[in-house]
Amino acid sequence: MASLLARIGGFSARHRWWVIVAWVLLLAIAAFGAAKFSQPTVSTITISNLKSVETLNTVDREFGGAAAGGSGTVVFAAPKGERLTPADAATVSRLTASLSEIDGVRAATDPFTAQVKTLSPGGRIGYIPVSLKSATASVSTQQAIGRAIDGARSSRLEVEASDGLTVVDSPSSNQLVGIVLALIILLVTFGAFAAAGLPVLTALLGLGVSVAGITAATALVPLNSTAPVLAILLALAVGIDYSLFIVNRHRRQLMEGMSVNDSIPLALGTAGSAVFFAAVTVVIALAGLSVVGVDFLTQMGIAAAVAVVVAMLVALTLTPALLRLFGRFVLGGRARKRIASGTPKAPPRMARRWVGLIGRHPVAFLVAALVVLVTLATPVLSLRLGLPDSGSDPTSNTDRRAYDLMAEGFGAGVNGPIVVLADYPGSAPTATDVTSLSRTLGDVPDVARVVPSGEHGTSVLLTVIPSSGPSDARTETLVRALRAIEVRSAGSPALSVTGQTAVAIDVSDRLLEALPLYLGLVAAFAFVLLLVVFRSIVIPLKATLSFLLSLGATLGVVVAVFQWGWLGTLFGVDPAGPLLSFLPILVVGVLFGLSMDYEMFLLSGMREQHAHGARPRAAITEGFSQGAKVVAAAALIMIGVFGNGALNGSETIRPIAFGLAVGVLIDAFVVRLTLVPAVLYLFGRAAWWLPRWLGRIMPRVDIEGAALERPVPLPVRVEEPDPVLVGN
């Protein structure tokens, strides 16, 4: 592998302009395809093979969508402490008439004249039921509803709309903040504008190709609106990291006296090998999301995997082309003067002091790291999962305000009704049957009321209003209690429990059940890959176990912030509640890949020192000193990119981005830069032990570049001309 990548690096450097033009053309083609052929994304989250989903489809088919969407509410309220007046009723009547005339609206019911009045007991809050002609409102319909609502609002009458009826501007994470932060970190790390700008430039080009390509792919397959989000975050983050690692190796070789032409192939053969295998690990972890069997997770994983592949290809081809173009300007002015004067490069003192301190007290540092990880992981024991609803949106959104008004006026459970479908075999149910069943359901704890909602043939539909909100743990208990009735009453009648709240519970259960399988698959693959790459039993075992500790600590911090509400105001948590059901699996996939990146970047230097004859402690010290700075810089860049999403992203993206930012922080600085060297110092030479029989049958991937020819460094005071200046 090292020889192949060295040849690729040499080819890209020699034909740098062809490589640069090829990537620019590819970006232009992808952008043209995105602009010309892209289709709108879908926002619904579905999952197959769930009984609650099948029941919901049956309800939609047999009862005309009574419980399956295609409807919403426009909520209105008088000022606090007052009741709705006849003037308010006249305003609501005009609003109802306006809503009824909107294209896409089937009907809107005036609560003051309807047979069943939808007014709160206190007379302050009411709502207009709105039914749509299709399952979801089009943008034009949403805009028209929004204009009608704006016309009815006044200083006296508050008017809000439930989710899906009007256009809601979702916050988006501006990646410019992450890019600027990355430039600052790289400039501090390298001390040269060319070296700082090169990784950002290549990452932006890879990001453009990835996002444009994914957008263009909507012409062939429908994509969920969440699919590109993870790809955008990862394309920028790993794109910078991969190029950064190659640039760092190249700079180090130049400062040791190597020529630009000789250094580029060697940098690609060594650092490029680590980049390749790190990318393979991330791609497998992301593509492995498909084993969960959830369409939108599969799409997110594949889209992000494509972005990582593009980032890797850009790093392995465009980076050497630009390195050849920039010549020695990837070094700062002081470094170039030092090479010209023959002054030896100063060793990385901070990293050497840190690893030296760990080497003198490995047990103490190991115990300290374990205590930190276990302490942070403790909250994960109370992990609860759920799907987002309007109750988790910001209070500035109309759907959140409508949600809160409905809960205030009609009880928290009205925002998460549970639908029970009762099938009576043989004959249609009588009024006595329906009354008896309603009484049975109403006797279950935490049921506020039961409302018969329709009959069709031998089936009857009942809506159960809980006394608790949709994200409340008591509502989850209620759903399970209602399903227990189904078991006890099998055959007379047969009950099926569904509704959006029940579906959310089932989706969370399915994803939680799939988590151990997914985690086991990616861990097994990573173990085999690291076994082959580092030719050691201890290294992959340590990497896998340390990741599990890192994952537990990450999820524990996310639970504390987003579920318990600790420091919640800083990250816009209002209110605290269950974590997104797909958050743990996404964090596992992404964080596992990134942690293996840092493992690969850090240990490849140690492995290289060991392969070239260094004693175990010296190999650890030297490899750590060379790799710690770039790992820390890469981690800080990742934290900046993900942290920006945690602060400025949407309600769906914010906890995911927060989890990834915290995960990178913990994994890079607590695990890779502290726990890993402590373990290696304790194991000594045994850390690189591999049974002979296993070594004979395993392929040699040569990540340390042992097969590469090592060019003789240039004599001091001899400088080659800079290609960017002489034009060749």
Foldseek 3Di string as FASTA:
>chain_A
DLLVLLVLLLVLQVPVVVLVVVLVVLLVVLLVLLVPQFDDAAADFDFPDDQQVVVQVVCCVFVVPPFPAQKWKKKKFFPPPDADDVVLLVLLVVLQVQLCPQPFWPHKDRLVPDPHHQAFPVRGMGIIITGGPDRAGDQSQQPSNVVSLVVSDDPGMDIFIAPRNHDDDFFAFDLVQLLVLQLVLQCVLFVFNLLSVLLQVLLVSLLSSLVSNLRSCNSPPHAHPCQCVLLNLLSRQLLSLLLNLLLLQLLVQVLVFAFLSQSRSNSCSFSVLLLVLLLVLLLCLLCLLVVLRTVNSNSNSNSNNSSSVSSSVSSSNNSSSSCQQFTNSSHHPVSVVCLLVVNHDDFLPVLLVLLVVCLVPLPVLQVVLLVLLVVLLVQCVVADAFADGLCFFFPVHSNNVSLVSCCVRPAQQVQFKKKKKWAAPDFADDPVLVVVVQVVLCPQPQFPGKAWDDDGTNMTMIITRGNHHLQDPVVVVSQVVVVVVQVVCPNRIHMDMHHPSVVRVVLLVSLVVCQVVSLVVSLVVQLVSCCQALVANQLSVLLSVLLVSLLSSLVSNLCCCQAVNVVVVQQVRRDRGHHHSCLSSVLSSNLSSVLSSLSSQQVSQLSLCVVVPDFQVVSNSVSSSSRLSSLVSSLSSSLSSLVSCLRRGGSNSNSNSSSNNSSSVSSSVSNSSGNVSSVSSVCGPNRSDHDPVVVVPRDHPPSSVPVDDDDDRRDGSDHDDRCNVVVD
